[in-house]
Amino acid sequence: MPTYEYRCSDCENDFELQAPVAEYEDGIDETCPACDSPNTTRRLGSVMISMGDRSSDAAPQGGCCTPGSGCC
């Protein structure tokens, strides 16, 4: 279940809410739990990215850093 991060603009409290995507899209209660203010802003949190099957020993493609040659 996704976690959504918020900051209260009134008391500067950071808090998290967990909700299914469908519930979030319908609208969740973003009221600050510390001061009950509705004046909150959603923050950008960490995101997990799947890189697919990483079982091969092949070197990653792209970028400019390669083993033995350093980075550009």
Protein backbone atom coordinates (compact mmCIF):
# COMPACT_ATOMS: atom_id res chain seq x y z
CA MET A 1 0.00 0.00 0.00
CA PRO A 2 1.47 3.38 -0.97
CA THR A 3 2.57 5.85 1.68
CA TYR A 4 1.88 9.54 1.04
CA GLU A 5 3.99 12.15 2.85
CA TYR A 6 2.64 15.52 3.95
CA ARG A 7 3.75 18.65 5.80
CA CYS A 8 1.44 20.90 7.77
CA SER A 9 1.81 24.55 6.73
CA ASP A 10 0.57 25.73 10.13
CA CYS A 11 2.68 23.73 12.61
CA GLU A 12 5.33 22.30 10.17
CA ASN A 13 4.58 18.75 11.31
CA ASP A 14 5.63 16.04 8.82
CA PHE A 15 3.30 13.04 8.67
CA GLU A 16 2.49 10.05 6.49
CA LEU A 17 -0.78 8.52 5.34
CA GLN A 18 -1.19 5.04 3.89
CA ALA A 19 -4.03 4.43 1.44
CA PRO A 20 -4.74 2.35 -1.65
CA VAL A 21 -4.28 4.29 -4.89
CA ALA A 22 -8.02 4.19 -5.62
CA GLU A 23 -8.80 5.67 -2.19
CA TYR A 24 -6.16 8.38 -2.68
CA GLU A 25 -7.63 9.29 -6.08
CA ASP A 26 -11.10 9.55 -4.52
CA GLY A 27 -9.69 11.89 -1.86
CA ILE A 28 -8.19 11.06 1.52
CA ASP A 29 -8.33 13.15 4.69
CA GLU A 30 -5.08 15.12 4.66
CA THR A 31 -5.71 16.84 8.01
CA CYS A 32 -2.63 17.25 10.22
CA PRO A 33 -2.78 14.80 13.12
CA ALA A 34 -0.84 17.20 15.40
CA CYS A 35 -2.96 20.35 15.10
CA ASP A 36 -6.02 19.28 13.05
CA SER A 37 -5.24 21.83 10.34
CA PRO A 38 -6.42 21.07 6.79
CA ASN A 39 -3.62 23.36 5.49
CA THR A 40 -1.25 20.58 4.37
CA THR A 41 1.00 20.01 1.36
CA ARG A 42 1.93 16.68 -0.16
CA ARG A 43 5.68 16.07 -0.22
CA LEU A 44 7.73 14.00 -2.62
CA GLY A 45 8.82 10.84 -0.84
CA SER A 46 11.05 7.97 -1.79
CA VAL A 47 10.04 5.76 -4.69
CA MET A 48 10.88 2.11 -5.28
CA ILE A 49 11.78 1.31 -8.87
CA SER A 50 11.97 -2.22 -10.20
CA MET A 51 14.81 -2.84 -12.61
CA GLY A 52 13.37 -6.10 -13.90
CA ASP A 53 15.34 -9.35 -13.96
CA ARG A 54 18.89 -8.62 -12.79
CA SER A 55 20.04 -12.24 -12.85
CA SER A 56 22.42 -11.89 -15.81
CA ASP A 57 26.07 -10.98 -15.37
CA ALA A 58 25.95 -8.52 -18.25
CA ALA A 59 27.10 -4.99 -17.54
CA PRO A 60 24.42 -2.31 -17.51
CA GLN A 61 24.08 -0.38 -20.76
CA GLY A 62 24.16 3.39 -21.10
CA GLY A 63 25.74 6.11 -19.03
CA CYS A 64 29.38 7.10 -19.20
CA CYS A 65 30.86 5.23 -16.24
CA THR A 66 32.44 1.91 -17.14
CA PRO A 67 34.66 -0.42 -15.12
CA GLY A 68 38.33 0.42 -15.61
CA SER A 69 37.76 3.68 -17.49
CA GLY A 70 36.25 5.85 -14.77
CA CYS A 71 33.48 8.36 -15.29
CA CYS A 72 33.26 11.17 -17.79
